[in-house]
Amino acid sequence: MNIIILGATGSIGYEVLSELSKNTDNSFYISSTNIDLLNKIKYKFNCNGQTLNVKNIDEIEKFFKSASKCLGSIDVVINCIGSIILKPMHLATPNEIIDTFQMNTFQSALTIKYSIPLLKKNGGSIILFSSAAANIGLKNHDLISSAKGAINSMVKSCAMTYSRFNIRINAIAPGLTNTNLSKNIINNKFSYEYSLKLHPLNRIGKPQNISPSIKWLIDPNSDWITGQTICIDGGLSSLK
């Protein structure tokens, strides 16, 4: 498979790349905001890629064009990019609101926009990242739940729109996972203990809990799954 991974140097993106690289038939084109990390990972996994600022529309379009030129046909697009902000809406600045939607909703929409022309001919799979917090009302998750909830709706509608091209669109919605993005929550004793209580399994997730679901979704035998947001969250969004 020819696979695009956005955010491949993040905690989850790296684990996804590592897992999918076990299949030596897979080829990758990856993105990162960090040129040093990007070069190390390109060397380690023998893949190609470039730096990408997802707040820059032109850069996103150029990234997909470069990926297509490098890999030829594209089978899978996985977008692991996102952000975390825990703040009540009335305390959020206008810039924080804009930034949250840019880093989650808007760039996910552009991922679909620029992936579709690359997948139209042969079909394929697009995987975005939502959050389990979008499926349940959690205090101080106003911004991130809104931005991720839009992704859930986007996945359903776009999956229907592009199903005629045999393009499948799904999302993964993790609970709190031990990543670089969540370190401020995990390193705060009060926040961490509060988060543990929200998860019925009484533990937070690991990137290794997420990557198997990606591998499963892109497997040819999973080609009847589309329009789904799959929660991997230790019971956060469904158990009380």
C-alpha atoms as a PDB file:
ATOM      1  CA  MET A   1       0.000   0.000   0.000  1.00  0.00           C
ATOM      2  CA  ASN A   2       1.039   3.608  -0.595  1.00  0.00           C
ATOM      3  CA  ILE A   3       0.245   5.485   2.612  1.00  0.00           C
ATOM      4  CA  ILE A   4       0.286   9.159   3.572  1.00  0.00           C
ATOM      5  CA  ILE A   5       0.665   9.876   7.292  1.00  0.00           C
ATOM      6  CA  LEU A   6       0.266  13.440   8.520  1.00  0.00           C
ATOM      7  CA  GLY A   7       1.879  14.040  11.904  1.00  0.00           C
ATOM      8  CA  ALA A   8       4.096  10.963  11.734  1.00  0.00           C
ATOM      9  CA  THR A   9       6.558  12.266  14.333  1.00  0.00           C
ATOM     10  CA  GLY A  10       3.883  12.714  17.019  1.00  0.00           C
ATOM     11  CA  SER A  11       3.383  10.025  19.632  1.00  0.00           C
ATOM     12  CA  ILE A  12       0.473   8.292  17.921  1.00  0.00           C
ATOM     13  CA  GLY A  13       1.659   9.024  14.373  1.00  0.00           C
ATOM     14  CA  TYR A  14       5.036   7.485  15.110  1.00  0.00           C
ATOM     15  CA  GLU A  15       3.449   4.364  16.578  1.00  0.00           C
ATOM     16  CA  VAL A  16       1.157   4.052  13.547  1.00  0.00           C
ATOM     17  CA  LEU A  17       4.127   4.376  11.178  1.00  0.00           C
ATOM     18  CA  SER A  18       6.111   1.862  13.208  1.00  0.00           C
ATOM     19  CA  GLU A  19       3.272  -0.674  13.170  1.00  0.00           C
ATOM     20  CA  LEU A  20       2.455  -0.313   9.478  1.00  0.00           C
ATOM     21  CA  SER A  21       6.148  -0.446   8.541  1.00  0.00           C
ATOM     22  CA  LYS A  22       6.232  -4.075   9.653  1.00  0.00           C
ATOM     23  CA  ASN A  23       4.631  -4.808   6.300  1.00  0.00           C
ATOM     24  CA  THR A  24       7.535  -4.257   3.940  1.00  0.00           C
ATOM     25  CA  ASP A  25       5.165  -3.874   0.992  1.00  0.00           C
ATOM     26  CA  ASN A  26       3.943  -0.553   2.412  1.00  0.00           C
ATOM     27  CA  SER A  27       5.451   2.748   1.235  1.00  0.00           C
ATOM     28  CA  PHE A  28       5.019   6.029   3.086  1.00  0.00           C
ATOM     29  CA  TYR A  29       5.029   9.782   2.624  1.00  0.00           C
ATOM     30  CA  ILE A  30       4.960  11.574   5.958  1.00  0.00           C
ATOM     31  CA  SER A  31       4.720  15.036   7.466  1.00  0.00           C
ATOM     32  CA  SER A  32       6.098  16.710  10.569  1.00  0.00           C
ATOM     33  CA  THR A  33       6.562  20.216  11.917  1.00  0.00           C
ATOM     34  CA  ASN A  34      10.054  19.316  13.134  1.00  0.00           C
ATOM     35  CA  ILE A  35      12.687  18.968  10.399  1.00  0.00           C
ATOM     36  CA  ASP A  36      15.198  17.146  12.623  1.00  0.00           C
ATOM     37  CA  LEU A  37      12.677  14.541  13.765  1.00  0.00           C
ATOM     38  CA  LEU A  38      11.403  14.204  10.227  1.00  0.00           C
ATOM     39  CA  ASN A  39      14.868  13.440   8.871  1.00  0.00           C
ATOM     40  CA  LYS A  40      15.558  10.884  11.611  1.00  0.00           C
ATOM     41  CA  ILE A  41      12.304   9.059  10.994  1.00  0.00           C
ATOM     42  CA  LYS A  42      12.673   9.177   7.213  1.00  0.00           C
ATOM     43  CA  TYR A  43      16.065   7.518   7.621  1.00  0.00           C
ATOM     44  CA  LYS A  44      14.861   4.972  10.176  1.00  0.00           C
ATOM     45  CA  PHE A  45      11.847   3.828   8.156  1.00  0.00           C
ATOM     46  CA  ASN A  46      13.292   4.477   4.700  1.00  0.00           C
ATOM     47  CA  CYS A  47      10.420   6.727   3.674  1.00  0.00           C
ATOM     48  CA  ASN A  48       9.906  10.171   2.162  1.00  0.00           C
ATOM     49  CA  GLY A  49       8.187  13.255   3.490  1.00  0.00           C
ATOM     50  CA  GLN A  50       8.368  16.942   4.257  1.00  0.00           C
ATOM     51  CA  THR A  51       7.633  19.519   6.925  1.00  0.00           C
ATOM     52  CA  LEU A  52       4.086  20.836   6.997  1.00  0.00           C
ATOM     53  CA  ASN A  53       2.295  23.694   8.720  1.00  0.00           C
ATOM     54  CA  VAL A  54      -1.374  22.691   8.609  1.00  0.00           C
ATOM     55  CA  LYS A  55      -2.427  26.263   9.336  1.00  0.00           C
ATOM     56  CA  ASN A  56      -1.141  27.177   5.879  1.00  0.00           C
ATOM     57  CA  ILE A  57      -3.656  26.151   3.206  1.00  0.00           C
ATOM     58  CA  ASP A  58      -1.150  26.378   0.364  1.00  0.00           C
ATOM     59  CA  GLU A  59       1.284  24.110   2.222  1.00  0.00           C
ATOM     60  CA  ILE A  60      -1.382  21.444   2.686  1.00  0.00           C
ATOM     61  CA  GLU A  61      -2.235  21.425  -1.013  1.00  0.00           C
ATOM     62  CA  LYS A  62       1.456  21.286  -1.991  1.00  0.00           C
ATOM     63  CA  PHE A  63       2.055  18.460   0.495  1.00  0.00           C
ATOM     64  CA  PHE A  64      -0.556  16.234  -1.128  1.00  0.00           C
ATOM     65  CA  LYS A  65       0.754  17.038  -4.595  1.00  0.00           C
ATOM     66  CA  SER A  66       4.283  16.115  -3.478  1.00  0.00           C
ATOM     67  CA  ALA A  67       3.047  12.891  -1.875  1.00  0.00           C
ATOM     68  CA  SER A  68       1.246  11.907  -5.067  1.00  0.00           C
ATOM     69  CA  LYS A  69       4.299  12.693  -7.184  1.00  0.00           C
ATOM     70  CA  CYS A  70       6.540  10.659  -4.875  1.00  0.00           C
ATOM     71  CA  LEU A  71       4.350   7.586  -4.359  1.00  0.00           C
ATOM     72  CA  GLY A  72       2.333   7.585  -7.548  1.00  0.00           C
ATOM     73  CA  SER A  73      -1.019   6.081  -6.620  1.00  0.00           C
ATOM     74  CA  ILE A  74      -2.322   6.583  -3.063  1.00  0.00           C
ATOM     75  CA  ASP A  75      -4.228   3.924  -1.120  1.00  0.00           C
ATOM     76  CA  VAL A  76      -4.493   5.337   2.400  1.00  0.00           C
ATOM     77  CA  VAL A  77      -4.380   8.763   4.073  1.00  0.00           C
ATOM     78  CA  ILE A  78      -4.019   8.898   7.864  1.00  0.00           C
ATOM     79  CA  ASN A  79      -4.184  12.258   9.615  1.00  0.00           C
ATOM     80  CA  CYS A  80      -2.797  12.048  13.167  1.00  0.00           C
ATOM     81  CA  ILE A  81      -2.579  15.823  13.702  1.00  0.00           C
ATOM     82  CA  GLY A  82      -4.568  17.538  16.435  1.00  0.00           C
ATOM     83  CA  SER A  83      -4.406  19.603  19.592  1.00  0.00           C
ATOM     84  CA  ILE A  84      -5.679  19.557  23.171  1.00  0.00           C
ATOM     85  CA  ILE A  85      -7.042  22.502  25.119  1.00  0.00           C
ATOM     86  CA  LEU A  86      -9.047  22.238  28.336  1.00  0.00           C
ATOM     87  CA  LYS A  87     -10.739  25.539  29.033  1.00  0.00           C
ATOM     88  CA  PRO A  88     -14.323  26.763  29.518  1.00  0.00           C
ATOM     89  CA  MET A  89     -15.594  28.681  26.512  1.00  0.00           C
ATOM     90  CA  HIS A  90     -15.949  32.027  28.291  1.00  0.00           C
ATOM     91  CA  LEU A  91     -12.263  31.976  29.267  1.00  0.00           C
ATOM     92  CA  ALA A  92     -10.995  31.043  25.806  1.00  0.00           C
ATOM     93  CA  THR A  93      -9.502  33.841  23.736  1.00  0.00           C
ATOM     94  CA  PRO A  94     -10.698  34.324  20.152  1.00  0.00           C
ATOM     95  CA  ASN A  95      -7.255  33.178  18.959  1.00  0.00           C
ATOM     96  CA  GLU A  96      -7.509  29.972  21.024  1.00  0.00           C
ATOM     97  CA  ILE A  97     -10.904  29.246  19.494  1.00  0.00           C
ATOM     98  CA  ILE A  98      -9.617  29.845  15.963  1.00  0.00           C
ATOM     99  CA  ASP A  99      -6.447  27.828  16.605  1.00  0.00           C
ATOM    100  CA  THR A 100      -8.385  24.845  17.991  1.00  0.00           C
ATOM    101  CA  PHE A 101     -10.629  24.662  14.959  1.00  0.00           C
ATOM    102  CA  GLN A 102      -7.695  25.177  12.592  1.00  0.00           C
ATOM    103  CA  MET A 103      -5.657  22.404  14.187  1.00  0.00           C
ATOM    104  CA  ASN A 104      -8.525  19.935  14.273  1.00  0.00           C
ATOM    105  CA  THR A 105     -11.608  20.625  12.150  1.00  0.00           C
ATOM    106  CA  PHE A 106     -10.307  22.806   9.340  1.00  0.00           C
ATOM    107  CA  GLN A 107      -7.170  20.847   8.547  1.00  0.00           C
ATOM    108  CA  SER A 108      -9.170  17.602   8.650  1.00  0.00           C
ATOM    109  CA  ALA A 109     -11.577  19.051   6.090  1.00  0.00           C
ATOM    110  CA  LEU A 110      -8.642  20.020   3.866  1.00  0.00           C
ATOM    111  CA  THR A 111      -7.185  16.547   4.250  1.00  0.00           C
ATOM    112  CA  ILE A 112     -10.365  15.120   2.771  1.00  0.00           C
ATOM    113  CA  LYS A 113     -10.499  17.828   0.092  1.00  0.00           C
ATOM    114  CA  TYR A 114      -6.995  17.106  -1.206  1.00  0.00           C
ATOM    115  CA  SER A 115      -7.133  13.334  -0.678  1.00  0.00           C
ATOM    116  CA  ILE A 116     -10.235  12.725  -2.773  1.00  0.00           C
ATOM    117  CA  PRO A 117      -8.645  13.481  -6.186  1.00  0.00           C
ATOM    118  CA  LEU A 118      -5.809  11.070  -5.312  1.00  0.00           C
ATOM    119  CA  LEU A 119      -8.176   8.248  -4.346  1.00  0.00           C
ATOM    120  CA  LYS A 120     -10.986   8.674  -6.877  1.00  0.00           C
ATOM    121  CA  LYS A 121      -9.637   6.314  -9.505  1.00  0.00           C
ATOM    122  CA  ASN A 122      -8.994   3.221  -7.382  1.00  0.00           C
ATOM    123  CA  GLY A 123     -10.770   3.985  -4.106  1.00  0.00           C
ATOM    124  CA  GLY A 124      -9.040   3.937  -0.743  1.00  0.00           C
ATOM    125  CA  SER A 125      -9.241   4.855   2.910  1.00  0.00           C
ATOM    126  CA  ILE A 126      -9.046   8.131   4.841  1.00  0.00           C
ATOM    127  CA  ILE A 127      -8.644   8.036   8.626  1.00  0.00           C
ATOM    128  CA  LEU A 128      -8.992  11.137  10.810  1.00  0.00           C
ATOM    129  CA  PHE A 129      -8.662  11.623  14.556  1.00  0.00           C
ATOM    130  CA  SER A 130     -11.523  12.762  16.740  1.00  0.00           C
ATOM    131  CA  SER A 131     -11.826  12.454  20.527  1.00  0.00           C
ATOM    132  CA  ALA A 132     -13.974  10.416  22.885  1.00  0.00           C
ATOM    133  CA  ALA A 133     -14.688  13.738  24.610  1.00  0.00           C
ATOM    134  CA  ALA A 134     -16.855  14.704  21.618  1.00  0.00           C
ATOM    135  CA  ASN A 135     -19.332  11.963  22.547  1.00  0.00           C
ATOM    136  CA  ILE A 136     -19.881  12.927  26.168  1.00  0.00           C
ATOM    137  CA  GLY A 137     -20.297  16.206  28.041  1.00  0.00           C
ATOM    138  CA  LEU A 138     -17.078  16.794  29.976  1.00  0.00           C
ATOM    139  CA  LYS A 139     -16.356  19.882  32.042  1.00  0.00           C
ATOM    140  CA  ASN A 140     -13.846  22.315  30.468  1.00  0.00           C
ATOM    141  CA  HIS A 141     -13.734  20.366  27.189  1.00  0.00           C
ATOM    142  CA  ASP A 142     -15.903  22.967  25.436  1.00  0.00           C
ATOM    143  CA  LEU A 143     -13.439  23.900  22.702  1.00  0.00           C
ATOM    144  CA  ILE A 144     -11.916  20.566  21.866  1.00  0.00           C
ATOM    145  CA  SER A 145     -15.249  18.725  22.022  1.00  0.00           C
ATOM    146  CA  SER A 146     -16.744  21.207  19.567  1.00  0.00           C
ATOM    147  CA  ALA A 147     -13.856  20.925  17.131  1.00  0.00           C
ATOM    148  CA  LYS A 148     -13.707  17.129  17.318  1.00  0.00           C
ATOM    149  CA  GLY A 149     -17.499  16.774  17.211  1.00  0.00           C
ATOM    150  CA  ALA A 150     -17.438  18.518  13.843  1.00  0.00           C
ATOM    151  CA  ILE A 151     -15.031  15.842  12.628  1.00  0.00           C
ATOM    152  CA  ASN A 152     -17.511  13.122  13.630  1.00  0.00           C
ATOM    153  CA  SER A 153     -20.217  14.760  11.517  1.00  0.00           C
ATOM    154  CA  MET A 154     -17.771  15.382   8.674  1.00  0.00           C
ATOM    155  CA  VAL A 155     -16.815  11.707   8.566  1.00  0.00           C
ATOM    156  CA  LYS A 156     -20.441  10.582   8.247  1.00  0.00           C
ATOM    157  CA  SER A 157     -21.404  13.012   5.513  1.00  0.00           C
ATOM    158  CA  CYS A 158     -18.195  12.701   3.488  1.00  0.00           C
ATOM    159  CA  ALA A 159     -18.290   8.909   3.746  1.00  0.00           C
ATOM    160  CA  MET A 160     -21.696   9.010   2.076  1.00  0.00           C
ATOM    161  CA  THR A 161     -20.655  11.582  -0.523  1.00  0.00           C
ATOM    162  CA  TYR A 162     -17.592   9.646  -1.682  1.00  0.00           C
ATOM    163  CA  SER A 163     -18.838   6.084  -1.226  1.00  0.00           C
ATOM    164  CA  ARG A 164     -19.607   5.940  -4.963  1.00  0.00           C
ATOM    165  CA  PHE A 165     -15.853   6.122  -5.566  1.00  0.00           C
ATOM    166  CA  ASN A 166     -15.224   3.289  -3.083  1.00  0.00           C
ATOM    167  CA  ILE A 167     -13.510   5.747  -0.750  1.00  0.00           C
ATOM    168  CA  ARG A 168     -13.976   4.883   2.912  1.00  0.00           C
ATOM    169  CA  ILE A 169     -13.737   7.614   5.558  1.00  0.00           C
ATOM    170  CA  ASN A 170     -13.531   6.845   9.269  1.00  0.00           C
ATOM    171  CA  ALA A 171     -12.211   8.391  12.472  1.00  0.00           C
ATOM    172  CA  ILE A 172     -10.554   7.160  15.639  1.00  0.00           C
ATOM    173  CA  ALA A 173     -11.672   8.790  18.891  1.00  0.00           C
ATOM    174  CA  PRO A 174      -9.237   8.098  21.740  1.00  0.00           C
ATOM    175  CA  GLY A 175      -9.750   8.822  25.384  1.00  0.00           C
ATOM    176  CA  LEU A 176      -6.886  10.438  27.283  1.00  0.00           C
ATOM    177  CA  THR A 177      -3.723   8.895  25.855  1.00  0.00           C
ATOM    178  CA  ASN A 178      -0.150   9.249  27.050  1.00  0.00           C
ATOM    179  CA  THR A 179       1.312  11.454  24.310  1.00  0.00           C
ATOM    180  CA  ASN A 180       3.385  14.603  24.018  1.00  0.00           C
ATOM    181  CA  LEU A 181       0.156  16.574  23.550  1.00  0.00           C
ATOM    182  CA  SER A 182      -1.308  15.352  26.844  1.00  0.00           C
ATOM    183  CA  LYS A 183       1.802  15.677  29.014  1.00  0.00           C
ATOM    184  CA  ASN A 184       0.546  18.824  30.788  1.00  0.00           C
ATOM    185  CA  ILE A 185      -2.547  16.932  31.925  1.00  0.00           C
ATOM    186  CA  ILE A 186      -0.647  13.797  32.894  1.00  0.00           C
ATOM    187  CA  ASN A 187       2.056  15.715  34.764  1.00  0.00           C
ATOM    188  CA  ASN A 188      -0.550  17.546  36.859  1.00  0.00           C
ATOM    189  CA  LYS A 189      -1.449  15.254  39.757  1.00  0.00           C
ATOM    190  CA  PHE A 190      -4.976  16.612  40.216  1.00  0.00           C
ATOM    191  CA  SER A 191      -5.807  16.510  36.495  1.00  0.00           C
ATOM    192  CA  TYR A 192      -4.316  13.055  36.091  1.00  0.00           C
ATOM    193  CA  GLU A 193      -6.224  11.543  39.021  1.00  0.00           C
ATOM    194  CA  TYR A 194      -9.436  13.196  37.846  1.00  0.00           C
ATOM    195  CA  SER A 195      -8.898  11.766  34.357  1.00  0.00           C
ATOM    196  CA  LEU A 196      -8.292   8.267  35.710  1.00  0.00           C
ATOM    197  CA  LYS A 197     -11.676   8.353  37.455  1.00  0.00           C
ATOM    198  CA  LEU A 198     -13.379   9.235  34.177  1.00  0.00           C
ATOM    199  CA  HIS A 199     -12.071   6.061  32.528  1.00  0.00           C
ATOM    200  CA  PRO A 200     -13.821   2.920  33.888  1.00  0.00           C
ATOM    201  CA  LEU A 201     -10.679   0.845  33.298  1.00  0.00           C
ATOM    202  CA  ASN A 202      -8.911   3.281  35.646  1.00  0.00           C
ATOM    203  CA  ARG A 203      -5.997   3.868  33.324  1.00  0.00           C
ATOM    204  CA  ILE A 204      -5.180   6.141  30.432  1.00  0.00           C
ATOM    205  CA  GLY A 205      -4.318   4.882  26.978  1.00  0.00           C
ATOM    206  CA  LYS A 206      -1.001   4.333  25.218  1.00  0.00           C
ATOM    207  CA  PRO A 207      -0.188   4.971  21.556  1.00  0.00           C
ATOM    208  CA  GLN A 208       0.171   1.189  21.232  1.00  0.00           C
ATOM    209  CA  ASN A 209      -3.555   0.929  22.062  1.00  0.00           C
ATOM    210  CA  ILE A 210      -4.407   3.047  19.017  1.00  0.00           C
ATOM    211  CA  SER A 211      -2.233   1.698  16.188  1.00  0.00           C
ATOM    212  CA  PRO A 212      -3.901  -1.757  15.917  1.00  0.00           C
ATOM    213  CA  SER A 213      -7.208  -0.086  15.055  1.00  0.00           C
ATOM    214  CA  ILE A 214      -5.541   1.784  12.188  1.00  0.00           C
ATOM    215  CA  LYS A 215      -4.010  -1.430  10.885  1.00  0.00           C
ATOM    216  CA  TRP A 216      -7.428  -3.085  11.088  1.00  0.00           C
ATOM    217  CA  LEU A 217      -9.238  -0.257   9.294  1.00  0.00           C
ATOM    218  CA  ILE A 218      -6.907  -0.257   6.297  1.00  0.00           C
ATOM    219  CA  ASP A 219      -6.903  -4.044   5.970  1.00  0.00           C
ATOM    220  CA  PRO A 220      -8.647  -5.134   2.728  1.00  0.00           C
ATOM    221  CA  ASN A 221     -10.903  -7.376   4.813  1.00  0.00           C
ATOM    222  CA  SER A 222     -12.233  -4.259   6.580  1.00  0.00           C
ATOM    223  CA  ASP A 223     -13.413  -2.660   3.354  1.00  0.00           C
ATOM    224  CA  TRP A 224     -17.065  -2.719   4.472  1.00  0.00           C
ATOM    225  CA  ILE A 225     -16.454  -0.153   7.235  1.00  0.00           C
ATOM    226  CA  THR A 226     -17.092   3.517   6.495  1.00  0.00           C
ATOM    227  CA  GLY A 227     -18.630   6.565   8.138  1.00  0.00           C
ATOM    228  CA  GLN A 228     -17.642   5.379  11.611  1.00  0.00           C
ATOM    229  CA  THR A 229     -16.040   7.137  14.561  1.00  0.00           C
ATOM    230  CA  ILE A 230     -14.491   4.364  16.617  1.00  0.00           C
ATOM    231  CA  CYS A 231     -13.906   5.110  20.292  1.00  0.00           C
ATOM    232  CA  ILE A 232     -10.816   3.618  21.898  1.00  0.00           C
ATOM    233  CA  ASP A 233     -11.181   5.164  25.317  1.00  0.00           C
ATOM    234  CA  GLY A 234     -11.143   2.745  28.230  1.00  0.00           C
ATOM    235  CA  GLY A 235     -14.913   3.070  28.479  1.00  0.00           C
ATOM    236  CA  LEU A 236     -14.883   6.873  28.890  1.00  0.00           C
ATOM    237  CA  SER A 237     -17.661   7.682  26.431  1.00  0.00           C
ATOM    238  CA  SER A 238     -19.970   4.718  26.935  1.00  0.00           C
ATOM    239  CA  LEU A 239     -19.715   3.370  30.497  1.00  0.00           C
ATOM    240  CA  LYS A 240     -20.810   4.940  33.768  1.00  0.00           C
END
